[in-house]
Amino acid sequence: MAMQESPAFAKLVRDVVRDFGDPQIIWQIVALAVALGVALVLRRWMIGRLDRHFETVAPSRRAGSSSLRRSFFPMFGWLCVALTRVVLQEYMRVSLLRLAEVPLFGTALIYLAFYFARRLFASSPHAYGLLKVFERVFTTFAWLSMLAYVLGVHDDILNWLASVRFAVGSSHLTLLSMLSGILWIGVTLVLAMWVGSLIEDRIMRTTTLDGNLKVVMSRLVKGVLTLIAVLATLSFVGIDITVLGVFGGALGVGLGFGLQKIASNLVSGFIILLDRSVRLGDLITVAPYHGTVSQINTRYTVVRGLDGVEALVPNEKLVTDVVQNHSFTETRGRAKVNVQVAYSADVELAMSLMLKAAEGIPRVLTDPPPSALLLNFGADGMDLEMGFWVQDPALGSGSIRSQINLRIWRTFREHGIEIPYAQREIRILNDWADGVPAGGPADAVSRVNLPPGTPELAQTQAVEGKKPTP
């Protein structure tokens, strides 16, 4: 491509040099300063309205607000300068205003693109790297385009791109058509995904739909919009969409041979969402994982354990394996605390004190009320148990049990109720001569520190230093 001096660029240089030698350049500078001042006032007014709006919305809907704020000044500046140029071009030269429009428009376009991209990827924490690449590529492309326009070489570049031709099957394409197709596909995809995100946000804020139905509807909307955007762009560029039939056949063969698990997990994900066997926020156990369902994605489901560790469980496992859903029909769970009191204690008073210990604790339900039971008579005392129901068991019940146990300990001490501990005593029935009884070790009957219910033979063997026989 032969690069020649652009007439537009030469004319621009002549106009700027001529205007700077004319006293009217002062009026152009004044007009430019006034237009930028008006743009600054409009920017402050718009930022005030934006801040008041963001006070009433969720934090997730504020993504990209910094880029949107930065775009206000160049956007209003471009509008004000363009309007000023249109009004004054009948009375004076406006080459300085025409030149100022280019960087203002380009900067506003860049910041608006960043805003849409951040809003688009706000719900995906893993898309941060992709977002940075998009911003850098778009910034480079925008500034190069503005530079080519100012230098007046954009026509030469477009003509060279249109001269590079090659054939794809029965279609004849140029480098310009391919690049424009990629550009339009990218733009339409971004717009489709952005519109899909807006619709998804509106669906997720609906209170009349089930959580799984919201996810299904949002995914279908995004998929349909993406498909429409790609097909419409290919048709607009001039690419025959029937060539996609070959790609569809290859994709079907790939799914049949190498992508069986991926296809199975994809279908299983939609089955889970549609039959609502597992929903967002459910407390489930799918061996060996136990936790709360935080995400249901295309290939896997995220199960957040009670310790904060997240497990990525394939959707196929949730369909084919046994899943314990602790909140399938109930949003509450039962917990219990156990305590042992001495035989000398007032057991009825102890049970009433246990019930009082559960009163006023957050998330402990009063309907059904807590219940205290006398389970059995142990070797060292009476075993008591208090069961109670907890709201949102996925949040855990360890802290609740700890608070109840502390209250039980304090109230038992105040009312003199003893919590026994295991005691064992050794009784020697015969005198030992020189450390060995007259009749041998079998003459010694001992009570040693062994678990309750240990047979007499095992106790005697323990005294002799032998291993007890089961």
Protein backbone atom coordinates (compact mmCIF):
# COMPACT_ATOMS: atom_id res chain seq x y z
CA MET A 1 0.00 0.00 0.00
CA ALA A 2 1.47 3.31 -0.98
CA MET A 3 1.11 5.87 1.74
CA GLN A 4 0.73 9.41 0.46
CA GLU A 5 0.18 12.62 2.32
CA SER A 6 -3.52 12.80 3.05
CA PRO A 7 -5.33 15.85 1.68
CA ALA A 8 -7.48 15.87 4.81
CA PHE A 9 -4.42 15.97 7.01
CA ALA A 10 -2.80 18.72 4.90
CA LYS A 11 -6.02 20.74 5.00
CA LEU A 12 -6.22 20.28 8.76
CA VAL A 13 -2.67 21.53 9.22
CA ARG A 14 -3.30 24.53 6.95
CA ASP A 15 -6.52 25.38 8.78
CA VAL A 16 -4.92 25.20 12.22
CA VAL A 17 -1.90 27.27 11.16
CA ARG A 18 -4.14 29.79 9.44
CA ASP A 19 -6.50 30.05 12.42
CA PHE A 20 -3.66 30.55 14.86
CA GLY A 21 -2.50 33.48 12.73
CA ASP A 22 -5.99 34.98 12.83
CA PRO A 23 -7.34 36.99 15.79
CA GLN A 24 -10.49 34.85 15.68
CA ILE A 25 -8.52 32.02 17.28
CA ILE A 26 -9.13 33.78 20.61
CA TRP A 27 -12.89 33.46 20.11
CA GLN A 28 -12.45 29.76 19.28
CA ILE A 29 -10.48 29.27 22.50
CA VAL A 30 -13.15 31.15 24.46
CA ALA A 31 -15.93 29.13 22.84
CA LEU A 32 -14.06 25.90 23.60
CA ALA A 33 -13.54 26.93 27.23
CA VAL A 34 -17.22 27.86 27.64
CA ALA A 35 -18.35 24.55 26.11
CA LEU A 36 -16.05 22.60 28.43
CA GLY A 37 -17.25 24.65 31.40
CA VAL A 38 -20.86 23.81 30.59
CA ALA A 39 -19.82 20.16 30.25
CA LEU A 40 -18.23 20.31 33.71
CA VAL A 41 -21.44 21.70 35.23
CA LEU A 42 -23.52 19.01 33.51
CA ARG A 43 -21.07 16.37 34.78
CA ARG A 44 -21.49 17.47 38.41
CA TRP A 45 -25.27 17.51 38.05
CA MET A 46 -25.33 14.04 36.49
CA ILE A 47 -22.96 12.59 39.14
CA GLY A 48 -25.26 13.93 41.87
CA ARG A 49 -28.27 12.21 40.32
CA LEU A 50 -26.27 9.02 39.81
CA ASP A 51 -25.17 8.93 43.46
CA ARG A 52 -28.75 9.39 44.65
CA HIS A 53 -29.84 6.56 42.36
CA PHE A 54 -27.10 4.19 43.58
CA GLU A 55 -28.16 4.72 47.20
CA THR A 56 -31.38 2.80 46.48
CA VAL A 57 -29.99 -0.13 44.45
CA ALA A 58 -28.04 -3.26 45.35
CA PRO A 59 -24.21 -3.14 45.30
CA SER A 60 -24.12 -5.60 42.38
CA ARG A 61 -25.91 -3.05 40.20
CA ARG A 62 -23.22 -0.41 40.86
CA ALA A 63 -20.57 -2.26 38.85
CA GLY A 64 -18.71 0.01 36.45
CA SER A 65 -19.94 3.20 38.11
CA SER A 66 -16.40 4.64 38.16
CA SER A 67 -16.10 4.31 34.37
CA LEU A 68 -19.55 5.80 33.92
CA ARG A 69 -18.59 8.81 36.05
CA ARG A 70 -15.41 9.32 34.01
CA SER A 71 -17.36 9.23 30.76
CA PHE A 72 -19.63 12.14 31.72
CA PHE A 73 -17.14 14.95 31.12
CA PRO A 74 -15.85 13.86 27.67
CA MET A 75 -19.36 12.88 26.60
CA PHE A 76 -20.95 16.19 27.61
CA GLY A 77 -17.83 17.99 26.35
CA TRP A 78 -18.18 16.41 22.92
CA LEU A 79 -21.88 17.29 22.76
CA CYS A 80 -21.31 20.89 23.86
CA VAL A 81 -18.33 21.42 21.53
CA ALA A 82 -20.20 19.89 18.59
CA LEU A 83 -23.24 22.08 19.26
CA THR A 84 -21.01 25.15 19.60
CA ARG A 85 -19.26 24.31 16.32
CA VAL A 86 -22.57 23.95 14.47
CA VAL A 87 -23.77 27.32 15.79
CA LEU A 88 -20.53 29.26 15.15
CA GLN A 89 -19.41 27.76 11.84
CA GLU A 90 -21.68 30.21 9.96
CA TYR A 91 -19.88 33.20 11.51
CA MET A 92 -16.24 32.16 12.08
CA ARG A 93 -13.65 29.46 11.51
CA VAL A 94 -14.04 26.47 13.87
CA SER A 95 -11.06 24.21 13.05
CA LEU A 96 -9.98 24.14 16.73
CA LEU A 97 -13.45 23.04 17.83
CA ARG A 98 -13.53 20.38 15.09
CA LEU A 99 -10.16 19.06 16.26
CA ALA A 100 -11.27 19.00 19.94
CA GLU A 101 -14.29 16.84 19.09
CA VAL A 102 -12.10 13.85 18.14
CA PRO A 103 -10.37 13.13 21.48
CA LEU A 104 -13.51 13.99 23.46
CA PHE A 105 -15.64 11.55 21.47
CA GLY A 106 -12.98 8.81 21.58
CA THR A 107 -12.45 9.14 25.35
CA ALA A 108 -16.19 9.05 26.03
CA LEU A 109 -16.55 5.98 23.83
CA ILE A 110 -13.74 4.18 25.66
CA TYR A 111 -15.17 4.87 29.14
CA LEU A 112 -18.66 3.85 28.07
CA ALA A 113 -17.29 0.60 26.67
CA PHE A 114 -15.54 -0.05 30.01
CA TYR A 115 -18.80 0.61 31.84
CA PHE A 116 -20.75 -1.86 29.72
CA ALA A 117 -18.00 -4.47 30.06
CA ARG A 118 -17.88 -4.15 33.85
CA ARG A 119 -21.65 -4.36 34.09
CA LEU A 120 -21.58 -7.39 31.81
CA PHE A 121 -18.98 -9.32 33.85
CA ALA A 122 -20.05 -8.04 37.28
CA SER A 123 -21.66 -11.38 38.23
CA SER A 124 -18.58 -13.42 37.20
CA PRO A 125 -15.57 -13.02 39.53
CA HIS A 126 -13.51 -15.24 37.20
CA ALA A 127 -13.82 -12.85 34.23
CA TYR A 128 -11.48 -10.20 35.68
CA GLY A 129 -8.56 -11.20 33.41
CA LEU A 130 -10.78 -11.30 30.33
CA LEU A 131 -12.12 -7.85 31.21
CA LYS A 132 -8.61 -6.40 31.45
CA VAL A 133 -7.71 -7.85 28.02
CA PHE A 134 -10.90 -6.43 26.50
CA GLU A 135 -10.20 -2.98 27.91
CA ARG A 136 -6.63 -2.93 26.59
CA VAL A 137 -7.58 -4.15 23.12
CA PHE A 138 -10.49 -1.74 22.83
CA THR A 139 -8.40 1.20 24.09
CA THR A 140 -5.63 0.47 21.58
CA PHE A 141 -8.09 0.08 18.71
CA ALA A 142 -9.98 3.27 19.59
CA TRP A 143 -6.86 5.45 19.84
CA LEU A 144 -5.39 4.02 16.63
CA SER A 145 -8.68 4.73 14.85
CA MET A 146 -8.71 8.31 16.09
CA LEU A 147 -5.07 8.75 15.07
CA ALA A 148 -5.82 7.43 11.58
CA TYR A 149 -8.79 9.79 11.30
CA VAL A 150 -6.77 12.83 12.40
CA LEU A 151 -3.92 11.95 10.02
CA GLY A 152 -6.41 11.34 7.22
CA VAL A 153 -5.08 7.88 6.34
CA HIS A 154 -8.18 5.92 7.29
CA ASP A 155 -9.38 5.78 3.66
CA ASP A 156 -6.05 4.35 2.52
CA ILE A 157 -6.14 1.70 5.24
CA LEU A 158 -9.68 0.67 4.36
CA ASN A 159 -8.86 0.45 0.65
CA TRP A 160 -5.85 -1.78 1.35
CA LEU A 161 -7.91 -4.09 3.57
CA ALA A 162 -10.56 -4.35 0.88
CA SER A 163 -7.95 -5.30 -1.73
CA VAL A 164 -6.81 -8.42 0.15
CA ARG A 165 -9.14 -11.18 -1.09
CA PHE A 166 -9.37 -14.93 -0.48
CA ALA A 167 -11.96 -17.66 -0.90
CA VAL A 168 -13.60 -19.80 1.79
CA GLY A 169 -15.50 -22.57 0.04
CA SER A 170 -17.87 -20.91 -2.39
CA SER A 171 -17.68 -17.55 -0.60
CA HIS A 172 -15.23 -14.82 -1.55
CA LEU A 173 -14.18 -12.66 1.36
CA THR A 174 -11.86 -9.74 1.91
CA LEU A 175 -9.77 -8.92 4.90
CA LEU A 176 -11.95 -5.87 5.47
CA SER A 177 -15.14 -7.93 5.51
CA MET A 178 -13.62 -10.43 7.93
CA LEU A 179 -12.38 -7.77 10.31
CA SER A 180 -15.66 -5.90 10.12
CA GLY A 181 -17.52 -9.16 10.73
CA ILE A 182 -15.40 -9.92 13.81
CA LEU A 183 -15.94 -6.36 15.03
CA TRP A 184 -19.70 -6.48 14.52
CA ILE A 185 -19.95 -9.92 16.10
CA GLY A 186 -18.07 -8.65 19.13
CA VAL A 187 -20.23 -5.55 19.40
CA THR A 188 -23.51 -7.43 18.99
CA LEU A 189 -22.41 -10.14 21.44
CA VAL A 190 -21.52 -7.53 24.04
CA LEU A 191 -24.84 -5.77 23.51
CA ALA A 192 -26.75 -9.06 23.64
CA MET A 193 -24.98 -10.14 26.83
CA TRP A 194 -25.51 -6.71 28.36
CA VAL A 195 -29.24 -6.81 27.58
CA GLY A 196 -29.30 -10.37 28.91
CA SER A 197 -27.66 -9.19 32.14
CA LEU A 198 -30.28 -6.46 32.53
CA ILE A 199 -33.08 -8.99 32.01
CA GLU A 200 -31.37 -11.44 34.38
CA ASP A 201 -31.11 -8.74 37.04
CA ARG A 202 -34.81 -7.98 36.65
CA ILE A 203 -35.71 -11.69 36.82
CA MET A 204 -33.55 -12.29 39.91
CA ARG A 205 -35.25 -9.41 41.73
CA THR A 206 -38.68 -10.96 41.12
CA THR A 207 -40.16 -12.40 44.31
CA THR A 208 -42.96 -14.44 42.70
CA LEU A 209 -40.72 -16.95 40.89
CA ASP A 210 -38.83 -19.94 42.24
CA GLY A 211 -35.05 -19.58 42.49
CA ASN A 212 -34.33 -22.42 40.06
CA LEU A 213 -36.87 -21.06 37.56
CA LYS A 214 -35.12 -17.69 37.70
CA VAL A 215 -31.80 -19.32 36.79
CA VAL A 216 -33.37 -21.30 33.91
CA MET A 217 -35.11 -18.23 32.47
CA SER A 218 -32.00 -16.05 32.69
CA ARG A 219 -29.87 -18.69 30.94
CA LEU A 220 -32.42 -19.21 28.19
CA VAL A 221 -32.67 -15.46 27.61
CA LYS A 222 -28.89 -15.09 27.35
CA GLY A 223 -28.60 -18.09 25.03
CA VAL A 224 -31.35 -16.91 22.69
CA LEU A 225 -29.98 -13.35 22.55
CA THR A 226 -26.46 -14.62 21.84
CA LEU A 227 -27.68 -16.90 19.05
CA ILE A 228 -29.74 -14.12 17.47
CA ALA A 229 -26.78 -11.72 17.67
CA VAL A 230 -24.39 -14.15 15.95
CA LEU A 231 -26.83 -15.13 13.18
CA ALA A 232 -27.89 -11.54 12.53
CA THR A 233 -24.29 -10.35 12.36
CA LEU A 234 -23.21 -13.11 9.96
CA SER A 235 -26.11 -12.31 7.67
CA PHE A 236 -25.38 -8.60 7.87
CA VAL A 237 -21.72 -9.09 6.96
CA GLY A 238 -22.65 -11.33 4.04
CA ILE A 239 -21.50 -14.73 5.32
CA ASP A 240 -23.77 -17.62 4.34
CA ILE A 241 -25.06 -19.08 7.60
CA THR A 242 -25.58 -22.48 5.95
CA VAL A 243 -21.87 -23.10 6.48
CA LEU A 244 -22.72 -23.47 10.15
CA GLY A 245 -24.32 -26.81 9.29
CA VAL A 246 -20.86 -28.33 8.87
CA PHE A 247 -19.81 -26.95 12.23
CA GLY A 248 -23.00 -28.29 13.82
CA GLY A 249 -22.31 -31.77 12.45
CA ALA A 250 -18.74 -31.71 13.74
CA LEU A 251 -19.99 -30.53 17.11
CA GLY A 252 -22.51 -33.40 17.24
CA VAL A 253 -19.78 -35.96 16.48
CA GLY A 254 -17.57 -34.41 19.17
CA LEU A 255 -20.35 -34.60 21.72
CA GLY A 256 -20.97 -38.22 20.81
CA PHE A 257 -17.36 -39.34 21.19
CA GLY A 258 -15.23 -37.07 23.33
CA LEU A 259 -17.61 -34.77 25.19
CA GLN A 260 -20.00 -37.28 26.70
CA LYS A 261 -19.41 -36.19 30.28
CA ILE A 262 -19.73 -32.51 29.41
CA ALA A 263 -23.01 -33.11 27.60
CA SER A 264 -24.24 -35.28 30.48
CA ASN A 265 -23.39 -32.58 33.04
CA LEU A 266 -25.04 -29.91 30.87
CA VAL A 267 -28.29 -31.86 30.60
CA SER A 268 -28.11 -32.79 34.30
CA GLY A 269 -27.77 -29.12 35.20
CA PHE A 270 -31.02 -28.25 33.44
CA ILE A 271 -32.72 -31.29 34.99
CA ILE A 272 -31.71 -30.13 38.47
CA LEU A 273 -32.98 -26.63 37.78
CA LEU A 274 -36.28 -27.76 36.28
CA ASP A 275 -37.26 -30.51 38.74
CA ARG A 276 -36.09 -28.35 41.69
CA SER A 277 -34.67 -31.33 43.58
CA VAL A 278 -31.71 -29.14 44.58
CA ARG A 279 -32.17 -25.40 44.93
CA LEU A 280 -29.94 -22.47 45.73
CA GLY A 281 -29.44 -22.23 49.48
CA ASP A 282 -30.29 -25.89 50.21
CA LEU A 283 -28.21 -27.77 52.77
CA ILE A 284 -27.25 -31.05 51.10
CA THR A 285 -24.98 -34.04 51.62
CA VAL A 286 -23.60 -35.81 48.56
CA ALA A 287 -20.83 -38.13 49.69
CA PRO A 288 -18.36 -37.02 50.82
CA TYR A 289 -19.44 -33.36 50.64
CA HIS A 290 -21.76 -31.54 53.02
CA GLY A 291 -22.72 -27.91 52.72
CA THR A 292 -24.93 -25.25 51.17
CA VAL A 293 -25.64 -24.96 47.43
CA SER A 294 -24.29 -21.54 46.44
CA GLN A 295 -24.24 -21.88 42.62
CA ILE A 296 -25.76 -24.18 39.98
CA ASN A 297 -23.66 -23.76 36.86
CA THR A 298 -23.74 -25.41 33.45
CA ARG A 299 -21.23 -28.16 34.28
CA TYR A 300 -21.03 -28.25 38.07
CA THR A 301 -22.73 -27.20 41.28
CA VAL A 302 -20.86 -25.32 43.98
CA VAL A 303 -21.37 -26.76 47.48
CA ARG A 304 -20.01 -24.47 50.19
CA GLY A 305 -19.08 -26.47 53.28
CA LEU A 306 -19.80 -25.24 56.80
CA ASP A 307 -16.05 -24.55 57.13
CA GLY A 308 -16.13 -22.25 54.09
CA VAL A 309 -14.44 -24.67 51.69
CA GLU A 310 -16.23 -24.89 48.32
CA ALA A 311 -16.56 -28.17 46.41
CA LEU A 312 -17.32 -28.27 42.67
CA VAL A 313 -19.64 -31.26 42.31
CA PRO A 314 -20.45 -32.40 38.73
CA ASN A 315 -24.15 -32.09 37.97
CA GLU A 316 -24.28 -35.71 36.84
CA LYS A 317 -23.38 -36.83 40.39
CA LEU A 318 -26.36 -34.94 41.81
CA VAL A 319 -28.68 -36.73 39.38
CA THR A 320 -27.33 -40.28 39.56
CA ASP A 321 -26.14 -40.50 43.21
CA VAL A 322 -28.12 -40.37 46.44
CA VAL A 323 -28.35 -36.79 47.70
CA GLN A 324 -29.46 -35.93 51.22
CA ASN A 325 -31.31 -32.62 51.06
CA HIS A 326 -31.68 -31.36 54.61
CA SER A 327 -33.89 -28.45 53.54
CA PHE A 328 -35.93 -30.04 50.74
CA THR A 329 -39.28 -29.48 52.47
CA GLU A 330 -38.09 -27.86 55.71
CA THR A 331 -36.10 -24.71 56.23
CA ARG A 332 -35.36 -25.66 59.83
CA GLY A 333 -33.25 -28.32 61.50
CA ARG A 334 -33.20 -30.08 64.85
CA ALA A 335 -30.26 -29.88 67.25
CA LYS A 336 -29.72 -31.20 70.76
CA VAL A 337 -27.52 -30.88 73.84
CA ASN A 338 -26.75 -33.67 76.31
CA VAL A 339 -25.85 -33.39 80.00
CA GLN A 340 -25.57 -35.78 82.95
CA VAL A 341 -26.67 -34.96 86.50
CA ALA A 342 -25.96 -36.77 89.75
CA TYR A 343 -28.52 -39.13 91.28
CA SER A 344 -28.82 -36.76 94.24
CA ALA A 345 -30.01 -33.87 91.99
CA ASP A 346 -33.61 -32.78 91.44
CA VAL A 347 -34.07 -34.10 87.90
CA GLU A 348 -37.32 -32.20 87.26
CA LEU A 349 -35.68 -28.91 88.28
CA ALA A 350 -32.70 -29.72 86.04
CA MET A 351 -34.98 -30.33 83.06
CA SER A 352 -36.85 -27.07 83.59
CA LEU A 353 -33.56 -25.15 83.85
CA MET A 354 -32.44 -26.69 80.56
CA LEU A 355 -35.61 -25.46 78.87
CA LYS A 356 -35.09 -21.94 80.25
CA ALA A 357 -31.50 -21.97 78.93
CA ALA A 358 -32.85 -22.15 75.35
CA GLU A 359 -35.12 -19.12 75.71
CA GLY A 360 -34.21 -15.87 73.92
CA ILE A 361 -31.37 -17.31 71.82
CA PRO A 362 -31.45 -16.12 68.18
CA ARG A 363 -32.60 -18.67 65.58
CA VAL A 364 -33.97 -21.07 68.24
CA LEU A 365 -37.62 -21.61 67.34
CA THR A 366 -40.40 -21.47 69.90
CA ASP A 367 -42.77 -23.44 67.63
CA PRO A 368 -42.22 -26.30 68.07
CA PRO A 369 -40.83 -25.55 71.55
CA PRO A 370 -37.69 -27.17 73.01
CA SER A 371 -38.23 -30.46 74.86
CA ALA A 372 -36.19 -32.09 77.64
CA LEU A 373 -35.96 -35.87 78.08
CA LEU A 374 -34.59 -38.26 80.69
CA LEU A 375 -32.83 -40.75 78.45
CA ASN A 376 -31.43 -43.38 80.80
CA PHE A 377 -29.78 -44.09 84.11
CA GLY A 378 -26.05 -44.27 83.58
CA ALA A 379 -23.25 -45.68 85.68
CA ASP A 380 -22.33 -42.25 87.07
CA GLY A 381 -25.57 -40.28 86.80
CA MET A 382 -28.80 -39.62 84.91
CA ASP A 383 -28.48 -38.74 81.21
CA LEU A 384 -30.62 -35.79 80.10
CA GLU A 385 -31.18 -34.47 76.59
CA MET A 386 -32.79 -31.28 75.32
CA GLY A 387 -33.84 -31.06 71.66
CA PHE A 388 -34.70 -27.80 69.91
CA TRP A 389 -35.38 -26.57 66.38
CA VAL A 390 -33.09 -24.09 64.62
CA GLN A 391 -34.00 -21.75 61.77
CA ASP A 392 -31.68 -21.89 58.71
CA PRO A 393 -29.53 -24.87 59.74
CA ALA A 394 -27.18 -24.13 56.84
CA LEU A 395 -25.75 -21.31 58.96
CA GLY A 396 -24.60 -23.87 61.54
CA SER A 397 -25.69 -24.67 65.09
CA GLY A 398 -22.36 -24.90 66.93
CA SER A 399 -22.55 -21.40 68.39
CA ILE A 400 -26.15 -21.99 69.52
CA ARG A 401 -25.22 -25.19 71.35
CA SER A 402 -22.31 -23.38 72.98
CA GLN A 403 -24.56 -20.59 74.29
CA ILE A 404 -27.07 -23.12 75.67
CA ASN A 405 -24.34 -25.19 77.34
CA LEU A 406 -22.92 -22.09 79.03
CA ARG A 407 -26.35 -21.13 80.34
CA ILE A 408 -26.94 -24.69 81.61
CA TRP A 409 -23.59 -24.68 83.40
CA ARG A 410 -24.29 -21.35 85.11
CA THR A 411 -27.85 -22.21 86.20
CA PHE A 412 -26.86 -25.66 87.48
CA ARG A 413 -24.14 -24.09 89.64
CA GLU A 414 -26.58 -21.49 90.98
CA HIS A 415 -29.12 -24.18 91.98
CA GLY A 416 -26.59 -26.67 93.33
CA ILE A 417 -27.16 -29.32 90.65
CA GLU A 418 -24.06 -31.47 90.33
CA ILE A 419 -22.69 -32.68 87.00
CA PRO A 420 -20.84 -35.88 88.02
CA TYR A 421 -17.63 -37.19 86.60
CA ALA A 422 -16.56 -40.84 86.42
CA GLN A 423 -14.99 -42.28 89.59
CA ARG A 424 -13.54 -45.77 90.17
CA GLU A 425 -12.23 -47.30 93.41
CA ILE A 426 -10.04 -50.35 94.04
CA ARG A 427 -11.03 -52.60 96.93
CA ILE A 428 -8.53 -55.17 98.25
CA LEU A 429 -10.43 -57.96 100.01
CA ASN A 430 -7.40 -60.03 101.25
CA ASP A 431 -4.05 -59.06 102.76
CA TRP A 432 -1.09 -59.43 100.44
CA ALA A 433 2.09 -61.10 101.67
CA ASP A 434 5.20 -59.80 100.01
CA GLY A 435 3.10 -58.22 97.32
CA VAL A 436 1.35 -61.48 96.33
CA PRO A 437 -1.79 -62.84 98.00
CA ALA A 438 -1.61 -66.25 99.65
CA GLY A 439 -3.85 -67.86 97.12
CA GLY A 440 -2.21 -66.17 94.14
CA PRO A 441 -3.52 -63.33 92.03
CA ALA A 442 -6.90 -64.99 91.75
CA ASP A 443 -7.57 -64.20 95.44
CA ALA A 444 -7.60 -60.48 94.63
CA VAL A 445 -10.87 -58.93 93.50
CA SER A 446 -10.27 -55.47 92.13
CA ARG A 447 -12.26 -52.55 90.89
CA VAL A 448 -10.15 -50.75 88.32
CA ASN A 449 -10.68 -47.79 86.03
CA LEU A 450 -12.36 -49.71 83.18
CA PRO A 451 -15.42 -48.84 81.12
CA PRO A 452 -18.80 -49.61 82.71
CA GLY A 453 -20.03 -53.14 82.11
CA THR A 454 -16.57 -54.75 81.99
CA PRO A 455 -16.89 -58.43 83.04
CA GLU A 456 -15.43 -59.58 86.36
CA LEU A 457 -12.92 -61.88 84.63
CA ALA A 458 -11.57 -58.96 82.57
CA GLN A 459 -11.17 -56.86 85.75
CA THR A 460 -9.22 -59.65 87.45
CA GLN A 461 -7.01 -60.04 84.38
CA ALA A 462 -6.33 -56.33 84.39
CA VAL A 463 -5.09 -56.52 87.95
CA GLU A 464 -2.73 -59.32 86.95
CA GLY A 465 -1.33 -57.17 84.15
CA LYS A 466 -2.79 -59.33 81.39
CA LYS A 467 -4.76 -58.20 78.36
CA PRO A 468 -8.47 -58.54 79.18
CA THR A 469 -10.30 -61.26 77.30
CA PRO A 470 -13.33 -59.91 75.37
